[in-house]
Amino acid sequence: MKCGLNRAERREKRQYEALERQHAYDKLTTFEKLQMLDRAGHSAVKQRARIQAIMAREEAYLEEELRLKTMVKLKAATKRATAHTKKERKQ
């Protein structure tokens, strides 16, 4: 008599394990995904390039966001300085 799982049960188990791996991978940051590829030792050229492109876009977005915040602060400081000099001129 055969012990263990039948074909359908083995397939279901493999699918469940694959989903668990996918959920764990989805929780990683892009940098962690890149590190995981490096640790695994696979060439994975296309996947590595895709992750590096995502990281570059994220970095560009953060730089643009920082630049805009800096511009807003600079405009506010200029406005305050201009208001201060106008008060001095009136006196």
C-alpha atoms as a PDB file:
ATOM      1  CA  MET A   1       0.000   0.000   0.000  1.00  0.00           C
ATOM      2  CA  LYS A   2       1.248   3.437  -0.952  1.00  0.00           C
ATOM      3  CA  CYS A   3       1.786   5.974   1.846  1.00  0.00           C
ATOM      4  CA  GLY A   4       1.878   9.727   1.503  1.00  0.00           C
ATOM      5  CA  LEU A   5       0.103  12.105  -0.790  1.00  0.00           C
ATOM      6  CA  ASN A   6      -1.499  11.431  -4.139  1.00  0.00           C
ATOM      7  CA  ARG A   7      -0.701  13.488  -7.237  1.00  0.00           C
ATOM      8  CA  ALA A   8      -3.426  16.110  -6.652  1.00  0.00           C
ATOM      9  CA  GLU A   9      -2.394  16.580  -3.031  1.00  0.00           C
ATOM     10  CA  ARG A  10       1.287  16.980  -3.982  1.00  0.00           C
ATOM     11  CA  ARG A  11       0.351  19.559  -6.612  1.00  0.00           C
ATOM     12  CA  GLU A  12      -1.793  21.453  -4.106  1.00  0.00           C
ATOM     13  CA  LYS A  13       1.054  21.384  -1.572  1.00  0.00           C
ATOM     14  CA  ARG A  14       3.563  22.704  -4.150  1.00  0.00           C
ATOM     15  CA  GLN A  15       1.175  25.495  -5.153  1.00  0.00           C
ATOM     16  CA  TYR A  16       0.679  26.470  -1.516  1.00  0.00           C
ATOM     17  CA  GLU A  17       4.445  26.547  -0.919  1.00  0.00           C
ATOM     18  CA  ALA A  18       4.923  28.649  -4.053  1.00  0.00           C
ATOM     19  CA  LEU A  19       2.337  31.146  -2.801  1.00  0.00           C
ATOM     20  CA  GLU A  20       4.120  31.366   0.548  1.00  0.00           C
ATOM     21  CA  ARG A  21       7.431  32.060  -1.204  1.00  0.00           C
ATOM     22  CA  GLN A  22       5.773  34.681  -3.402  1.00  0.00           C
ATOM     23  CA  HIS A  23       4.231  36.463  -0.413  1.00  0.00           C
ATOM     24  CA  ALA A  24       7.587  36.478   1.372  1.00  0.00           C
ATOM     25  CA  TYR A  25       9.286  37.865  -1.774  1.00  0.00           C
ATOM     26  CA  ASP A  26       6.622  40.558  -2.174  1.00  0.00           C
ATOM     27  CA  LYS A  27       7.314  41.818   1.355  1.00  0.00           C
ATOM     28  CA  LEU A  28      10.988  42.471   0.544  1.00  0.00           C
ATOM     29  CA  THR A  29      12.211  45.934  -0.456  1.00  0.00           C
ATOM     30  CA  THR A  30      13.768  46.337  -3.887  1.00  0.00           C
ATOM     31  CA  PHE A  31      17.235  46.500  -2.338  1.00  0.00           C
ATOM     32  CA  GLU A  32      16.596  43.275  -0.408  1.00  0.00           C
ATOM     33  CA  LYS A  33      15.394  41.593  -3.607  1.00  0.00           C
ATOM     34  CA  LEU A  34      18.632  42.572  -5.330  1.00  0.00           C
ATOM     35  CA  GLN A  35      20.662  41.260  -2.386  1.00  0.00           C
ATOM     36  CA  MET A  36      18.699  38.017  -2.486  1.00  0.00           C
ATOM     37  CA  LEU A  37      19.622  37.558  -6.155  1.00  0.00           C
ATOM     38  CA  ASP A  38      23.275  38.185  -5.338  1.00  0.00           C
ATOM     39  CA  ARG A  39      23.217  35.647  -2.489  1.00  0.00           C
ATOM     40  CA  ALA A  40      21.480  33.032  -4.616  1.00  0.00           C
ATOM     41  CA  GLY A  41      24.312  33.143  -7.134  1.00  0.00           C
ATOM     42  CA  HIS A  42      22.004  33.041 -10.153  1.00  0.00           C
ATOM     43  CA  SER A  43      22.869  35.179 -13.136  1.00  0.00           C
ATOM     44  CA  ALA A  44      19.225  36.357 -13.515  1.00  0.00           C
ATOM     45  CA  VAL A  45      20.343  39.181 -15.796  1.00  0.00           C
ATOM     46  CA  LYS A  46      16.871  40.346 -16.819  1.00  0.00           C
ATOM     47  CA  GLN A  47      15.469  40.200 -13.291  1.00  0.00           C
ATOM     48  CA  ARG A  48      18.486  42.065 -11.895  1.00  0.00           C
ATOM     49  CA  ALA A  49      18.151  44.729 -14.606  1.00  0.00           C
ATOM     50  CA  ARG A  50      14.432  45.099 -13.879  1.00  0.00           C
ATOM     51  CA  ILE A  51      15.054  45.537 -10.139  1.00  0.00           C
ATOM     52  CA  GLN A  52      17.867  48.026 -10.765  1.00  0.00           C
ATOM     53  CA  ALA A  53      15.569  50.031 -13.060  1.00  0.00           C
ATOM     54  CA  ILE A  54      12.920  50.112 -10.326  1.00  0.00           C
ATOM     55  CA  MET A  55      15.525  51.308  -7.829  1.00  0.00           C
ATOM     56  CA  ALA A  56      16.662  54.038 -10.230  1.00  0.00           C
ATOM     57  CA  ARG A  57      13.068  55.238 -10.686  1.00  0.00           C
ATOM     58  CA  GLU A  58      12.505  55.262  -6.928  1.00  0.00           C
ATOM     59  CA  GLU A  59      15.715  57.225  -6.407  1.00  0.00           C
ATOM     60  CA  ALA A  60      14.788  59.741  -9.116  1.00  0.00           C
ATOM     61  CA  TYR A  61      11.336  60.165  -7.564  1.00  0.00           C
ATOM     62  CA  LEU A  62      12.815  60.781  -4.113  1.00  0.00           C
ATOM     63  CA  GLU A  63      15.334  63.270  -5.510  1.00  0.00           C
ATOM     64  CA  GLU A  64      12.563  65.153  -7.317  1.00  0.00           C
ATOM     65  CA  GLU A  65      10.439  65.171  -4.172  1.00  0.00           C
ATOM     66  CA  LEU A  66      13.374  66.525  -2.147  1.00  0.00           C
ATOM     67  CA  ARG A  67      14.060  69.172  -4.795  1.00  0.00           C
ATOM     68  CA  LEU A  68      10.432  70.322  -4.718  1.00  0.00           C
ATOM     69  CA  LYS A  69      10.393  70.486  -0.910  1.00  0.00           C
ATOM     70  CA  THR A  70      13.590  72.516  -0.978  1.00  0.00           C
ATOM     71  CA  MET A  71      12.094  74.914  -3.536  1.00  0.00           C
ATOM     72  CA  VAL A  72       8.996  75.405  -1.393  1.00  0.00           C
ATOM     73  CA  LYS A  73      11.139  76.139   1.676  1.00  0.00           C
ATOM     74  CA  LEU A  74      13.299  78.522  -0.345  1.00  0.00           C
ATOM     75  CA  LYS A  75      10.250  80.381  -1.655  1.00  0.00           C
ATOM     76  CA  ALA A  76       8.852  80.697   1.866  1.00  0.00           C
ATOM     77  CA  ALA A  77      12.179  82.006   3.184  1.00  0.00           C
ATOM     78  CA  THR A  78      12.404  84.493   0.307  1.00  0.00           C
ATOM     79  CA  LYS A  79       8.861  85.643   0.986  1.00  0.00           C
ATOM     80  CA  ARG A  80       9.639  86.179   4.677  1.00  0.00           C
ATOM     81  CA  ALA A  81      12.836  88.062   3.853  1.00  0.00           C
ATOM     82  CA  THR A  82      11.010  90.235   1.324  1.00  0.00           C
ATOM     83  CA  ALA A  83       8.274  91.028   3.829  1.00  0.00           C
ATOM     84  CA  HIS A  84      10.881  91.907   6.431  1.00  0.00           C
ATOM     85  CA  THR A  85      12.709  94.306   4.078  1.00  0.00           C
ATOM     86  CA  LYS A  86       9.400  95.957   3.077  1.00  0.00           C
ATOM     87  CA  LYS A  87       8.673  96.649   6.756  1.00  0.00           C
ATOM     88  CA  GLU A  88      12.090  98.264   7.169  1.00  0.00           C
ATOM     89  CA  ARG A  89      11.533 100.474   4.110  1.00  0.00           C
ATOM     90  CA  LYS A  90       8.217 101.750   5.503  1.00  0.00           C
ATOM     91  CA  GLN A  91       9.802 102.815   8.751  1.00  0.00           C
END
